[in-house]
Amino acid sequence: MSDFLKNIIRFVVFILVQVYILHKVPPLHRFIVPYLYFLFIIWLPFNTGRSWLMLIAFFFGLTLDYFLVTPGLHAAACVLIAYIRPFMVNLLIRQEGAEQSYGAPSIQSMGLAPYTIFVLVLTFLHNGYLVFLEWMQFGNFWYFMGKVGATTAVSLLLILITELMFYRKGRYRTNAV
């Protein structure tokens, strides 16, 4: 299956899971909201340029905003992590490493510790920015940080379960076209 078709299927599946399953879960005291959809952006191939990455993230977030009737909240958060993602890849992978050898971020391509840091930082940024945009004020700082931390923990648990359920075999990229 081509990478393009695989990413289209992921796009649809992540939107459907977020809208029809995770969004239907009642938030725990309006505190914890499970988010998994942004894993689509994290799993995009390494060779996706920053402009394309941000455009795809914007369209992906806007699609989710359409279904959830939120005015651009998810699109903004998705574009933020799409913008930060290449910086994180450059920080966590040595220059002659997995970015040139593998197609997409995974535990196999990046290693357990760098991939964990990569996902943790992007998840925290996504959830922090999304919660901040929902409130548009800090109010009680500890409540804000608690909500971001709890939502990030639940999102990381969902990402771990997804990684275990859908093992992505790390394919080497070759020089052949």
N, C-alpha and C. Protein backbone atom coordinates (compact mmCIF):
# COMPACT_ATOMS: atom_id res chain seq x y z
N MET A 1 0.86 -1.17 0.00
CA MET A 1 0.00 0.00 0.00
C MET A 1 0.90 1.24 0.00
N SER A 2 0.56 2.21 -0.80
CA SER A 2 1.39 3.42 -0.89
C SER A 2 1.24 4.26 0.38
N ASP A 3 2.26 5.07 0.64
CA ASP A 3 2.22 5.93 1.83
C ASP A 3 1.09 6.95 1.73
N PHE A 4 0.81 7.43 0.53
CA PHE A 4 -0.26 8.41 0.35
C PHE A 4 -1.60 7.82 0.74
N LEU A 5 -1.89 6.62 0.26
CA LEU A 5 -3.15 5.96 0.59
C LEU A 5 -3.23 5.62 2.08
N LYS A 6 -2.11 5.18 2.63
CA LYS A 6 -2.05 4.86 4.06
C LYS A 6 -2.35 6.09 4.91
N ASN A 7 -1.82 7.24 4.51
CA ASN A 7 -2.06 8.47 5.27
C ASN A 7 -3.48 8.98 5.10
N ILE A 8 -4.08 8.77 3.96
CA ILE A 8 -5.49 9.14 3.78
C ILE A 8 -6.37 8.29 4.68
N ILE A 9 -6.08 7.00 4.76
CA ILE A 9 -6.86 6.11 5.64
C ILE A 9 -6.67 6.52 7.09
N ARG A 10 -5.43 6.83 7.49
CA ARG A 10 -5.18 7.30 8.86
C ARG A 10 -5.94 8.58 9.15
N PHE A 11 -5.94 9.51 8.20
CA PHE A 11 -6.65 10.78 8.34
C PHE A 11 -8.11 10.52 8.70
N VAL A 12 -8.75 9.67 7.91
CA VAL A 12 -10.18 9.37 8.11
C VAL A 12 -10.39 8.64 9.43
N VAL A 13 -9.56 7.66 9.72
CA VAL A 13 -9.74 6.86 10.95
C VAL A 13 -9.54 7.72 12.20
N PHE A 14 -8.50 8.55 12.22
CA PHE A 14 -8.27 9.39 13.40
C PHE A 14 -9.40 10.40 13.61
N ILE A 15 -9.93 10.96 12.53
CA ILE A 15 -11.06 11.89 12.66
C ILE A 15 -12.28 11.14 13.21
N LEU A 16 -12.58 9.98 12.64
CA LEU A 16 -13.76 9.22 13.08
C LEU A 16 -13.64 8.76 14.53
N VAL A 17 -12.47 8.29 14.91
CA VAL A 17 -12.27 7.84 16.30
C VAL A 17 -12.42 9.01 17.27
N GLN A 18 -11.84 10.16 16.92
CA GLN A 18 -11.93 11.31 17.81
C GLN A 18 -13.36 11.81 17.92
N VAL A 19 -14.05 11.90 16.80
CA VAL A 19 -15.40 12.47 16.80
C VAL A 19 -16.43 11.52 17.38
N TYR A 20 -16.41 10.26 16.93
CA TYR A 20 -17.50 9.35 17.29
C TYR A 20 -17.22 8.46 18.49
N ILE A 21 -15.99 8.42 18.96
CA ILE A 21 -15.70 7.60 20.15
C ILE A 21 -15.18 8.48 21.29
N LEU A 22 -14.03 9.13 21.08
CA LEU A 22 -13.40 9.87 22.18
C LEU A 22 -14.16 11.14 22.57
N HIS A 23 -14.80 11.78 21.61
CA HIS A 23 -15.55 12.98 21.94
C HIS A 23 -16.85 12.65 22.67
N LYS A 24 -17.33 11.41 22.55
CA LYS A 24 -18.55 10.99 23.24
C LYS A 24 -18.29 10.59 24.69
N VAL A 25 -17.02 10.38 25.05
CA VAL A 25 -16.67 10.05 26.43
C VAL A 25 -16.88 11.31 27.27
N PRO A 26 -17.71 11.24 28.30
CA PRO A 26 -17.92 12.45 29.11
C PRO A 26 -16.64 12.82 29.85
N PRO A 27 -16.25 14.10 29.81
CA PRO A 27 -15.03 14.50 30.50
C PRO A 27 -15.17 14.30 32.01
N LEU A 28 -14.10 13.89 32.63
CA LEU A 28 -14.07 13.66 34.07
C LEU A 28 -14.11 15.01 34.76
N HIS A 29 -15.26 15.39 35.28
CA HIS A 29 -15.47 16.66 35.97
C HIS A 29 -15.05 17.86 35.10
N ARG A 30 -15.30 17.74 33.80
CA ARG A 30 -14.92 18.79 32.83
C ARG A 30 -13.42 19.08 32.92
N PHE A 31 -12.66 18.07 33.28
CA PHE A 31 -11.24 18.26 33.53
C PHE A 31 -10.38 17.54 32.49
N ILE A 32 -10.65 16.26 32.28
CA ILE A 32 -9.84 15.45 31.38
C ILE A 32 -10.62 15.17 30.11
N VAL A 33 -10.02 15.53 28.98
CA VAL A 33 -10.61 15.27 27.68
C VAL A 33 -9.61 14.43 26.90
N PRO A 34 -9.99 13.23 26.45
CA PRO A 34 -9.04 12.39 25.73
C PRO A 34 -8.85 12.86 24.28
N TYR A 35 -7.60 13.11 23.90
CA TYR A 35 -7.27 13.49 22.52
C TYR A 35 -6.26 12.49 21.97
N LEU A 36 -6.54 12.00 20.78
CA LEU A 36 -5.64 11.08 20.10
C LEU A 36 -5.37 11.51 18.67
N TYR A 37 -6.21 12.35 18.13
CA TYR A 37 -6.19 12.67 16.70
C TYR A 37 -4.86 13.23 16.21
N PHE A 38 -4.15 13.99 17.03
CA PHE A 38 -2.92 14.64 16.59
C PHE A 38 -1.79 13.66 16.34
N LEU A 39 -1.99 12.38 16.70
CA LEU A 39 -1.01 11.34 16.40
C LEU A 39 -0.83 11.21 14.88
N PHE A 40 -1.87 11.57 14.13
CA PHE A 40 -1.76 11.58 12.68
C PHE A 40 -0.62 12.48 12.23
N ILE A 41 -0.49 13.64 12.82
CA ILE A 41 0.56 14.60 12.45
C ILE A 41 1.93 14.08 12.89
N ILE A 42 1.97 13.47 14.05
CA ILE A 42 3.23 12.92 14.55
C ILE A 42 3.72 11.80 13.65
N TRP A 43 2.81 10.99 13.11
CA TRP A 43 3.19 9.85 12.28
C TRP A 43 3.46 10.18 10.82
N LEU A 44 3.30 11.42 10.41
CA LEU A 44 3.59 11.76 9.01
C LEU A 44 5.06 11.51 8.71
N PRO A 45 5.39 11.20 7.46
CA PRO A 45 6.78 10.87 7.10
C PRO A 45 7.76 12.00 7.38
N PHE A 46 9.01 11.60 7.63
CA PHE A 46 10.08 12.56 7.88
C PHE A 46 10.28 13.52 6.72
N ASN A 47 10.14 13.01 5.49
CA ASN A 47 10.47 13.83 4.32
C ASN A 47 9.36 14.81 3.94
N THR A 48 8.31 14.94 4.75
CA THR A 48 7.28 15.93 4.50
C THR A 48 7.83 17.30 4.85
N GLY A 49 7.81 18.21 3.89
CA GLY A 49 8.33 19.55 4.12
C GLY A 49 7.49 20.31 5.15
N ARG A 50 8.10 21.31 5.77
CA ARG A 50 7.40 22.05 6.82
C ARG A 50 6.14 22.73 6.28
N SER A 51 6.19 23.30 5.10
CA SER A 51 5.01 23.96 4.53
C SER A 51 3.87 22.97 4.31
N TRP A 52 4.21 21.82 3.73
CA TRP A 52 3.18 20.79 3.51
C TRP A 52 2.67 20.25 4.83
N LEU A 53 3.58 20.07 5.77
CA LEU A 53 3.20 19.57 7.09
C LEU A 53 2.20 20.50 7.76
N MET A 54 2.46 21.79 7.70
CA MET A 54 1.56 22.76 8.32
C MET A 54 0.24 22.86 7.56
N LEU A 55 0.27 22.74 6.24
CA LEU A 55 -0.96 22.76 5.45
C LEU A 55 -1.82 21.53 5.74
N ILE A 56 -1.19 20.37 5.80
CA ILE A 56 -1.92 19.14 6.13
C ILE A 56 -2.50 19.23 7.54
N ALA A 57 -1.69 19.73 8.48
CA ALA A 57 -2.16 19.87 9.87
C ALA A 57 -3.33 20.84 9.96
N PHE A 58 -3.26 21.94 9.23
CA PHE A 58 -4.36 22.90 9.24
C PHE A 58 -5.64 22.27 8.69
N PHE A 59 -5.53 21.58 7.57
CA PHE A 59 -6.70 20.94 6.98
C PHE A 59 -7.26 19.85 7.90
N PHE A 60 -6.35 19.09 8.53
CA PHE A 60 -6.76 18.03 9.45
C PHE A 60 -7.48 18.62 10.66
N GLY A 61 -6.90 19.66 11.27
CA GLY A 61 -7.53 20.31 12.42
C GLY A 61 -8.84 20.97 12.06
N LEU A 62 -8.90 21.58 10.88
CA LEU A 62 -10.12 22.22 10.42
C LEU A 62 -11.23 21.19 10.19
N THR A 63 -10.86 20.03 9.68
CA THR A 63 -11.84 18.95 9.50
C THR A 63 -12.41 18.54 10.85
N LEU A 64 -11.55 18.39 11.84
CA LEU A 64 -12.03 18.04 13.18
C LEU A 64 -12.87 19.16 13.77
N ASP A 65 -12.46 20.40 13.56
CA ASP A 65 -13.25 21.54 14.03
C ASP A 65 -14.64 21.56 13.40
N TYR A 66 -14.72 21.17 12.15
CA TYR A 66 -16.01 21.13 11.48
C TYR A 66 -16.95 20.13 12.17
N PHE A 67 -16.43 18.96 12.48
CA PHE A 67 -17.26 17.93 13.12
C PHE A 67 -17.60 18.27 14.57
N LEU A 68 -16.67 18.90 15.28
CA LEU A 68 -16.89 19.20 16.69
C LEU A 68 -17.47 20.59 16.92
N VAL A 69 -17.66 21.35 15.86
CA VAL A 69 -18.21 22.71 15.90
C VAL A 69 -17.39 23.58 16.86
N THR A 70 -16.10 23.56 16.68
CA THR A 70 -15.21 24.44 17.43
C THR A 70 -14.54 25.35 16.41
N PRO A 71 -14.52 26.64 16.66
CA PRO A 71 -14.04 27.60 15.66
C PRO A 71 -12.52 27.68 15.54
N GLY A 72 -11.90 26.69 14.94
CA GLY A 72 -10.47 26.74 14.68
C GLY A 72 -9.56 26.36 15.82
N LEU A 73 -10.10 25.86 16.92
CA LEU A 73 -9.25 25.51 18.07
C LEU A 73 -8.28 24.38 17.71
N HIS A 74 -8.80 23.32 17.14
CA HIS A 74 -7.96 22.16 16.83
C HIS A 74 -7.03 22.46 15.66
N ALA A 75 -7.47 23.28 14.72
CA ALA A 75 -6.60 23.65 13.60
C ALA A 75 -5.38 24.41 14.11
N ALA A 76 -5.58 25.33 15.04
CA ALA A 76 -4.46 26.10 15.59
C ALA A 76 -3.48 25.20 16.35
N ALA A 77 -4.01 24.29 17.14
CA ALA A 77 -3.15 23.38 17.91
C ALA A 77 -2.39 22.43 16.98
N CYS A 78 -3.04 21.97 15.93
CA CYS A 78 -2.38 21.08 14.97
C CYS A 78 -1.27 21.80 14.21
N VAL A 79 -1.51 23.03 13.82
CA VAL A 79 -0.48 23.80 13.11
C VAL A 79 0.70 24.07 14.04
N LEU A 80 0.44 24.31 15.31
CA LEU A 80 1.53 24.52 16.26
C LEU A 80 2.44 23.29 16.33
N ILE A 81 1.87 22.12 16.50
CA ILE A 81 2.74 20.94 16.61
C ILE A 81 3.38 20.59 15.27
N ALA A 82 2.71 20.92 14.16
CA ALA A 82 3.33 20.70 12.84
C ALA A 82 4.53 21.62 12.65
N TYR A 83 4.46 22.82 13.20
CA TYR A 83 5.57 23.76 13.11
C TYR A 83 6.75 23.33 13.99
N ILE A 84 6.46 22.82 15.17
CA ILE A 84 7.50 22.43 16.14
C ILE A 84 8.13 21.08 15.77
N ARG A 85 7.37 20.21 15.11
CA ARG A 85 7.80 18.84 14.84
C ARG A 85 9.18 18.74 14.16
N PRO A 86 9.48 19.48 13.09
CA PRO A 86 10.82 19.35 12.48
C PRO A 86 11.95 19.76 13.42
N PHE A 87 11.73 20.76 14.26
CA PHE A 87 12.74 21.15 15.24
C PHE A 87 13.01 20.01 16.21
N MET A 88 11.93 19.37 16.66
CA MET A 88 12.08 18.25 17.59
C MET A 88 12.83 17.08 16.94
N VAL A 89 12.51 16.80 15.69
CA VAL A 89 13.20 15.71 14.98
C VAL A 89 14.68 16.02 14.88
N ASN A 90 15.02 17.26 14.53
CA ASN A 90 16.44 17.64 14.42
C ASN A 90 17.15 17.59 15.77
N LEU A 91 16.46 17.91 16.85
CA LEU A 91 17.07 17.86 18.18
C LEU A 91 17.29 16.42 18.66
N LEU A 92 16.35 15.55 18.36
CA LEU A 92 16.37 14.22 18.95
C LEU A 92 17.07 13.15 18.11
N ILE A 93 17.28 13.41 16.84
CA ILE A 93 17.93 12.42 15.99
C ILE A 93 19.22 13.00 15.47
N ARG A 94 20.28 12.22 15.57
CA ARG A 94 21.54 12.71 15.03
C ARG A 94 21.40 12.87 13.52
N GLN A 95 22.13 13.78 12.96
CA GLN A 95 21.91 14.21 11.58
C GLN A 95 22.02 13.09 10.56
N GLU A 96 22.89 12.13 10.76
CA GLU A 96 23.01 11.04 9.80
C GLU A 96 22.19 9.82 10.24
N GLY A 97 21.20 10.07 11.08
CA GLY A 97 20.44 8.97 11.69
C GLY A 97 19.19 8.59 10.96
N ALA A 98 18.15 8.37 11.74
CA ALA A 98 16.92 7.76 11.26
C ALA A 98 16.18 8.59 10.23
N GLU A 99 16.36 9.90 10.26
CA GLU A 99 15.61 10.75 9.31
C GLU A 99 15.96 10.38 7.88
N GLN A 100 17.22 10.05 7.63
CA GLN A 100 17.61 9.66 6.27
C GLN A 100 17.35 8.18 6.00
N SER A 101 17.30 7.36 7.05
CA SER A 101 17.18 5.92 6.87
C SER A 101 15.74 5.42 6.89
N TYR A 102 14.89 6.06 7.66
CA TYR A 102 13.52 5.58 7.84
C TYR A 102 12.52 6.56 7.24
N GLY A 103 11.30 6.07 7.03
CA GLY A 103 10.27 6.88 6.41
C GLY A 103 9.50 7.77 7.36
N ALA A 104 9.21 7.29 8.58
CA ALA A 104 8.35 8.05 9.50
C ALA A 104 8.80 7.84 10.94
N PRO A 105 8.41 8.76 11.83
CA PRO A 105 8.77 8.61 13.25
C PRO A 105 8.12 7.37 13.86
N SER A 106 8.90 6.62 14.57
CA SER A 106 8.40 5.46 15.31
C SER A 106 9.47 5.08 16.33
N ILE A 107 9.12 4.13 17.17
CA ILE A 107 10.09 3.66 18.16
C ILE A 107 11.28 3.01 17.46
N GLN A 108 11.00 2.29 16.38
CA GLN A 108 12.08 1.61 15.64
C GLN A 108 13.00 2.61 14.95
N SER A 109 12.45 3.68 14.43
CA SER A 109 13.29 4.62 13.67
C SER A 109 14.04 5.59 14.58
N MET A 110 13.45 6.00 15.68
CA MET A 110 14.07 7.01 16.53
C MET A 110 14.71 6.42 17.79
N GLY A 111 14.26 5.27 18.20
CA GLY A 111 14.69 4.71 19.48
C GLY A 111 13.64 5.04 20.54
N LEU A 112 13.60 4.27 21.60
CA LEU A 112 12.56 4.42 22.61
C LEU A 112 12.61 5.78 23.32
N ALA A 113 13.77 6.17 23.81
CA ALA A 113 13.87 7.43 24.58
C ALA A 113 13.59 8.66 23.71
N PRO A 114 14.23 8.81 22.54
CA PRO A 114 13.91 9.99 21.72
C PRO A 114 12.45 10.03 21.26
N TYR A 115 11.90 8.88 20.89
CA TYR A 115 10.51 8.86 20.44
C TYR A 115 9.57 9.23 21.59
N THR A 116 9.87 8.75 22.79
CA THR A 116 9.05 9.07 23.96
C THR A 116 9.11 10.58 24.25
N ILE A 117 10.29 11.15 24.20
CA ILE A 117 10.43 12.59 24.43
C ILE A 117 9.70 13.37 23.34
N PHE A 118 9.85 12.94 22.10
CA PHE A 118 9.21 13.55 20.95
C PHE A 118 7.69 13.60 21.14
N VAL A 119 7.10 12.46 21.46
CA VAL A 119 5.65 12.37 21.64
C VAL A 119 5.22 13.14 22.88
N LEU A 120 5.96 13.05 23.96
CA LEU A 120 5.62 13.75 25.21
C LEU A 120 5.60 15.26 25.02
N VAL A 121 6.63 15.80 24.40
CA VAL A 121 6.70 17.26 24.21
C VAL A 121 5.59 17.74 23.28
N LEU A 122 5.39 17.06 22.15
CA LEU A 122 4.35 17.49 21.21
C LEU A 122 2.95 17.33 21.81
N THR A 123 2.73 16.30 22.61
CA THR A 123 1.44 16.11 23.26
C THR A 123 1.20 17.22 24.28
N PHE A 124 2.21 17.52 25.08
CA PHE A 124 2.07 18.58 26.09
C PHE A 124 1.82 19.94 25.43
N LEU A 125 2.56 20.24 24.35
CA LEU A 125 2.35 21.50 23.64
C LEU A 125 0.96 21.58 23.03
N HIS A 126 0.54 20.49 22.41
CA HIS A 126 -0.80 20.46 21.80
C HIS A 126 -1.88 20.68 22.84
N ASN A 127 -1.83 19.93 23.92
CA ASN A 127 -2.87 20.03 24.94
C ASN A 127 -2.81 21.37 25.69
N GLY A 128 -1.61 21.85 25.97
CA GLY A 128 -1.48 23.14 26.64
C GLY A 128 -2.04 24.27 25.80
N TYR A 129 -1.71 24.28 24.52
CA TYR A 129 -2.20 25.32 23.63
C TYR A 129 -3.72 25.21 23.44
N LEU A 130 -4.21 23.99 23.31
CA LEU A 130 -5.65 23.79 23.13
C LEU A 130 -6.43 24.23 24.36
N VAL A 131 -5.96 23.87 25.54
CA VAL A 131 -6.64 24.28 26.77
C VAL A 131 -6.57 25.80 26.93
N PHE A 132 -5.41 26.38 26.60
CA PHE A 132 -5.28 27.84 26.69
C PHE A 132 -6.24 28.54 25.73
N LEU A 133 -6.37 28.02 24.51
CA LEU A 133 -7.30 28.62 23.55
C LEU A 133 -8.75 28.47 23.99
N GLU A 134 -9.07 27.35 24.64
CA GLU A 134 -10.44 27.17 25.13
C GLU A 134 -10.77 28.20 26.20
N TRP A 135 -9.82 28.49 27.05
CA TRP A 135 -10.07 29.42 28.15
C TRP A 135 -9.81 30.86 27.76
N MET A 136 -8.77 31.09 26.94
CA MET A 136 -8.28 32.42 26.58
C MET A 136 -7.90 33.24 27.81
N GLN A 137 -7.64 32.56 28.87
CA GLN A 137 -7.13 33.20 30.08
C GLN A 137 -6.54 32.09 30.96
N PHE A 138 -5.65 32.45 31.85
CA PHE A 138 -5.08 31.46 32.74
C PHE A 138 -5.98 31.21 33.94
N GLY A 139 -6.64 32.23 34.46
CA GLY A 139 -7.48 32.04 35.64
C GLY A 139 -6.66 31.48 36.77
N ASN A 140 -7.05 30.34 37.27
CA ASN A 140 -6.32 29.65 38.30
C ASN A 140 -5.19 28.85 37.62
N PHE A 141 -3.96 29.25 37.83
CA PHE A 141 -2.82 28.64 37.16
C PHE A 141 -2.71 27.15 37.46
N TRP A 142 -2.94 26.76 38.70
CA TRP A 142 -2.79 25.35 39.07
C TRP A 142 -3.89 24.49 38.46
N TYR A 143 -5.08 25.04 38.33
CA TYR A 143 -6.16 24.32 37.65
C TYR A 143 -5.81 24.14 36.18
N PHE A 144 -5.27 25.20 35.57
CA PHE A 144 -4.85 25.15 34.17
C PHE A 144 -3.79 24.07 33.98
N MET A 145 -2.75 24.09 34.82
CA MET A 145 -1.67 23.11 34.71
C MET A 145 -2.17 21.70 35.01
N GLY A 146 -3.09 21.57 35.96
CA GLY A 146 -3.67 20.26 36.26
C GLY A 146 -4.45 19.71 35.08
N LYS A 147 -5.23 20.57 34.44
CA LYS A 147 -6.01 20.14 33.28
C LYS A 147 -5.09 19.74 32.13
N VAL A 148 -4.06 20.53 31.88
CA VAL A 148 -3.10 20.21 30.82
C VAL A 148 -2.38 18.91 31.14
N GLY A 149 -1.92 18.77 32.39
CA GLY A 149 -1.21 17.56 32.79
C GLY A 149 -2.07 16.31 32.72
N ALA A 150 -3.30 16.40 33.20
CA ALA A 150 -4.19 15.24 33.19
C ALA A 150 -4.60 14.87 31.77
N THR A 151 -4.89 15.86 30.95
CA THR A 151 -5.25 15.59 29.55
C THR A 151 -4.06 15.01 28.80
N THR A 152 -2.87 15.50 29.08
CA THR A 152 -1.67 14.97 28.45
C THR A 152 -1.43 13.52 28.88
N ALA A 153 -1.63 13.22 30.16
CA ALA A 153 -1.44 11.85 30.64
C ALA A 153 -2.42 10.89 29.98
N VAL A 154 -3.67 11.28 29.86
CA VAL A 154 -4.66 10.42 29.21
C VAL A 154 -4.33 10.26 27.73
N SER A 155 -3.91 11.35 27.09
CA SER A 155 -3.54 11.28 25.67
C SER A 155 -2.34 10.37 25.47
N LEU A 156 -1.34 10.47 26.36
CA LEU A 156 -0.17 9.59 26.25
C LEU A 156 -0.54 8.12 26.45
N LEU A 157 -1.48 7.87 27.35
CA LEU A 157 -1.95 6.49 27.54
C LEU A 157 -2.63 5.98 26.27
N LEU A 158 -3.45 6.81 25.65
CA LEU A 158 -4.09 6.42 24.39
C LEU A 158 -3.07 6.22 23.27
N ILE A 159 -2.03 7.05 23.23
CA ILE A 159 -0.99 6.90 22.22
C ILE A 159 -0.24 5.60 22.44
N LEU A 160 0.07 5.27 23.70
CA LEU A 160 0.74 4.01 24.01
C LEU A 160 -0.10 2.82 23.57
N ILE A 161 -1.38 2.85 23.87
CA ILE A 161 -2.28 1.77 23.47
C ILE A 161 -2.33 1.66 21.94
N THR A 162 -2.39 2.80 21.27
CA THR A 162 -2.42 2.80 19.81
C THR A 162 -1.12 2.25 19.23
N GLU A 163 0.01 2.65 19.81
CA GLU A 163 1.30 2.13 19.35
C GLU A 163 1.38 0.62 19.53
N LEU A 164 0.84 0.12 20.64
CA LEU A 164 0.87 -1.33 20.87
C LEU A 164 -0.10 -2.09 19.96
N MET A 165 -1.25 -1.49 19.70
CA MET A 165 -2.25 -2.15 18.85
C MET A 165 -1.86 -2.14 17.37
N PHE A 166 -1.28 -1.05 16.91
CA PHE A 166 -0.96 -0.90 15.50
C PHE A 166 0.54 -0.78 15.33
N TYR A 167 1.21 -1.89 15.41
CA TYR A 167 2.65 -1.92 15.25
C TYR A 167 3.01 -1.47 13.84
N ARG A 168 3.83 -0.47 13.76
CA ARG A 168 4.26 0.04 12.46
C ARG A 168 5.67 -0.43 12.20
N LYS A 169 5.80 -1.29 11.25
CA LYS A 169 7.12 -1.84 10.91
C LYS A 169 7.96 -0.73 10.29
N GLY A 170 9.10 -0.48 10.87
CA GLY A 170 9.99 0.56 10.35
C GLY A 170 10.66 0.10 9.08
N ARG A 171 10.26 0.68 7.96
CA ARG A 171 10.86 0.32 6.68
C ARG A 171 12.02 1.25 6.40
N TYR A 172 13.09 0.66 5.92
CA TYR A 172 14.23 1.47 5.51
C TYR A 172 13.92 2.13 4.18
N ARG A 173 14.34 3.37 4.06
CA ARG A 173 14.25 4.03 2.76
C ARG A 173 15.49 3.64 1.99
N THR A 174 15.35 3.49 0.71
CA THR A 174 16.50 3.16 -0.12
C THR A 174 16.82 4.32 -1.05
N ASN A 175 17.96 4.23 -1.68
CA ASN A 175 18.34 5.28 -2.63
C ASN A 175 17.64 5.09 -3.97
N ALA A 176 17.07 3.93 -4.18
CA ALA A 176 16.37 3.68 -5.45
C ALA A 176 15.09 4.48 -5.50
N VAL A 177 14.81 5.02 -6.65
CA VAL A 177 13.61 5.84 -6.82
C VAL A 177 12.43 5.02 -7.20
